[in-house]
Amino acid sequence: MDQVHNLIQPKEVSYKYNDGEKEVEKKFFISKFPAIAGREIVSKYPLSNLPKLGDYDISVDAMLKLMSYVTAVTVDEVQVPLTTQALIDNHIPDWEVLVRLEAAMLEYNCSFFGNGKALISLETLKKQAVKLISKTWMEWSEQSSPKRQRHSKN
C-alpha cells in the first residue's frame, strides 16, 4: 500500500506545457522532506543520475520517493499525492515537467547545494566531461606517440 505523506511547509509551483494546440499551466504543491526520508533521497539522487556511473533502478527509486512528497492539483482543486508511477504518469504531462519538479524539490530541500544551483547541471556535467576527455586524450596520445629524439649537433 502506498504511503500518503502530509506535506511539510507546502509550496505551490506551476509549469506550463504545450497540450497539442494550446499552452496549459499545471499546478503542484511541493514539500520539505522529513529528516530520514530526506537523507535517503539526497544520498541516492546525485550519483544515481550520473550517466554510466549511476544505477537507473536506484534513480527511479529515489525519484518515486521524492515525488511522494508532491501533490498535483486537479482542475477542481483536489490535491493528489503522487505516490506511484501510475499517479505520476497520469498527473504529470511529460518528462520535462517531471524533471522540473524534481529540480524544484531538490532546490527547495537542499540549501547546502546553493538552492539547487550547485547540483550538477547538464551544462556543468558537459563542461567537466569535455575537460576530462581532453585531458585523458592528450595523456593517452603522448604515451602512445613515438618519442622524437633530438638531433645532435655532432
Protein backbone atom coordinates (compact mmCIF):
# COMPACT_ATOMS: atom_id res chain seq x y z
CA MET A 1 0.00 0.00 0.00
CA ASP A 2 1.28 3.43 -0.92
CA GLN A 3 2.03 5.82 1.89
CA VAL A 4 0.43 9.26 1.62
CA HIS A 5 2.56 11.90 3.28
CA ASN A 6 1.43 15.10 4.87
CA LEU A 7 3.18 17.95 3.13
CA ILE A 8 5.67 19.85 5.27
CA GLN A 9 5.78 23.60 4.54
CA PRO A 10 3.98 23.15 1.21
CA LYS A 11 4.93 25.49 -1.60
CA GLU A 12 2.89 25.99 -4.76
CA VAL A 13 4.68 25.69 -8.10
CA SER A 14 3.26 25.65 -11.61
CA TYR A 15 4.59 24.70 -15.01
CA LYS A 16 3.40 25.47 -18.50
CA TYR A 17 3.43 22.87 -21.22
CA ASN A 18 2.02 22.53 -24.70
CA ASP A 19 -1.08 20.34 -24.81
CA GLY A 20 -1.42 19.93 -28.55
CA GLU A 21 -2.92 23.18 -29.75
CA LYS A 22 -2.75 25.29 -26.59
CA GLU A 23 -0.45 26.12 -23.71
CA VAL A 24 -1.65 24.76 -20.37
CA GLU A 25 -0.49 25.54 -16.85
CA LYS A 26 -0.38 22.71 -14.31
CA LYS A 27 -0.23 23.44 -10.56
CA PHE A 28 1.57 21.32 -7.93
CA PHE A 29 2.47 21.57 -4.27
CA ILE A 30 5.98 20.54 -3.24
CA SER A 31 7.05 19.74 0.29
CA LYS A 32 10.03 19.72 2.57
CA PHE A 33 11.36 16.21 3.23
CA PRO A 34 11.16 14.71 6.69
CA ALA A 35 14.66 14.06 8.09
CA ILE A 36 15.14 10.34 7.41
CA ALA A 37 13.42 10.27 4.01
CA GLY A 38 15.34 13.40 3.01
CA ARG A 39 18.64 11.83 3.96
CA GLU A 40 17.86 8.78 1.84
CA ILE A 41 16.71 10.81 -1.18
CA VAL A 42 19.62 13.23 -1.09
CA SER A 43 22.18 10.44 -0.66
CA LYS A 44 20.81 8.48 -3.65
CA TYR A 45 19.85 11.26 -6.03
CA PRO A 46 23.03 12.87 -7.39
CA LEU A 47 25.14 9.78 -8.09
CA SER A 48 22.33 7.59 -9.35
CA ASN A 49 21.61 10.16 -12.07
CA LEU A 50 25.11 10.48 -13.50
CA PRO A 51 25.45 8.69 -16.84
CA LYS A 52 27.50 5.48 -16.74
CA LEU A 53 28.11 5.86 -13.00
CA GLY A 54 24.57 5.72 -11.74
CA ASP A 55 22.20 2.83 -11.40
CA TYR A 56 18.91 3.59 -13.15
CA ASP A 57 16.87 1.43 -10.76
CA ILE A 58 18.22 3.42 -7.80
CA SER A 59 17.48 6.63 -9.71
CA VAL A 60 13.86 5.57 -10.27
CA ASP A 61 13.51 4.53 -6.62
CA ALA A 62 14.84 7.91 -5.46
CA MET A 63 12.56 9.77 -7.91
CA LEU A 64 9.48 7.83 -6.73
CA LYS A 65 10.32 8.56 -3.09
CA LEU A 66 10.93 12.25 -3.90
CA MET A 67 7.68 12.55 -5.88
CA SER A 68 5.68 11.07 -2.98
CA TYR A 69 6.18 14.50 -1.34
CA VAL A 70 4.49 16.26 -4.27
CA THR A 71 0.79 16.72 -4.93
CA ALA A 72 -0.78 17.50 -8.27
CA VAL A 73 -3.71 19.88 -8.24
CA THR A 74 -6.64 18.82 -10.38
CA VAL A 75 -8.98 21.15 -12.28
CA ASP A 76 -11.42 21.05 -9.36
CA GLU A 77 -8.57 21.97 -6.92
CA VAL A 78 -8.19 18.47 -5.39
CA GLN A 79 -4.62 17.66 -4.33
CA VAL A 80 -3.50 14.20 -5.48
CA PRO A 81 -0.35 12.82 -3.78
CA LEU A 82 1.99 11.40 -6.44
CA THR A 83 2.85 8.18 -4.63
CA THR A 84 3.01 5.74 -7.56
CA GLN A 85 4.34 5.62 -11.08
CA ALA A 86 0.76 5.46 -12.39
CA LEU A 87 -0.23 8.64 -10.50
CA ILE A 88 2.91 10.41 -11.72
CA ASP A 89 2.20 9.36 -15.32
CA ASN A 90 -1.45 10.45 -15.02
CA HIS A 91 -0.83 13.86 -13.46
CA ILE A 92 2.49 14.97 -14.95
CA PRO A 93 2.11 15.74 -18.64
CA ASP A 94 5.64 14.91 -19.84
CA TRP A 95 9.18 14.12 -18.80
CA GLU A 96 10.25 17.78 -18.95
CA VAL A 97 7.70 18.81 -16.33
CA LEU A 98 8.79 15.82 -14.23
CA VAL A 99 12.43 16.91 -14.38
CA ARG A 100 11.46 20.49 -13.48
CA LEU A 101 9.50 19.22 -10.48
CA GLU A 102 12.42 17.06 -9.37
CA ALA A 103 14.77 20.05 -9.64
CA ALA A 104 12.30 22.24 -7.70
CA MET A 105 12.12 19.63 -4.94
CA LEU A 106 15.90 19.40 -4.67
CA GLU A 107 16.26 23.18 -4.69
CA TYR A 108 13.54 23.56 -2.02
CA ASN A 109 15.05 20.86 0.19
CA CYS A 110 18.80 21.24 -0.25
CA SER A 111 20.00 24.65 0.88
CA PHE A 112 23.58 23.39 1.20
CA PHE A 113 23.62 22.89 -2.58
CA GLY A 114 23.20 26.65 -3.05
CA ASN A 115 19.44 26.35 -3.53
CA GLY A 116 19.94 23.54 -6.03
CA LYS A 117 22.07 25.59 -8.39
CA ALA A 118 25.29 23.83 -7.40
CA LEU A 119 23.86 20.45 -8.28
CA ILE A 120 25.43 19.04 -11.36
CA SER A 121 23.52 20.51 -14.24
CA LEU A 122 23.72 19.03 -17.69
CA GLU A 123 25.77 22.01 -18.84
CA THR A 124 28.23 21.70 -15.95
CA LEU A 125 28.44 17.97 -16.48
CA LYS A 126 29.11 18.51 -20.19
CA LYS A 127 31.90 21.02 -19.50
CA GLN A 128 33.54 18.74 -16.95
CA ALA A 129 33.26 15.75 -19.28
CA VAL A 130 34.90 17.68 -22.15
CA LYS A 131 37.78 18.72 -19.86
CA LEU A 132 38.26 15.17 -18.60
CA ILE A 133 38.07 13.65 -22.08
CA SER A 134 40.52 16.23 -23.47
CA LYS A 135 42.99 15.68 -20.65
CA THR A 136 42.74 11.89 -20.93
CA TRP A 137 43.09 12.03 -24.73
CA MET A 138 46.21 14.23 -24.52
CA GLU A 139 47.83 11.96 -21.92
CA TRP A 140 46.97 8.86 -23.92
CA SER A 141 48.17 10.47 -27.16
CA GLU A 142 51.53 11.44 -25.60
CA GLN A 143 52.05 7.93 -24.24
CA SER A 144 51.19 6.19 -27.50
CA SER A 145 53.12 8.51 -29.84
CA PRO A 146 56.71 7.58 -30.71
CA LYS A 147 59.22 9.72 -28.88
CA ARG A 148 61.15 12.09 -31.09
CA GLN A 149 64.83 12.18 -30.50
CA ARG A 150 66.73 15.40 -30.80
CA HIS A 151 69.31 15.54 -33.49
CA SER A 152 72.77 16.05 -32.11
CA LYS A 153 74.93 18.86 -33.43
CA ASN A 154 77.89 16.49 -33.89
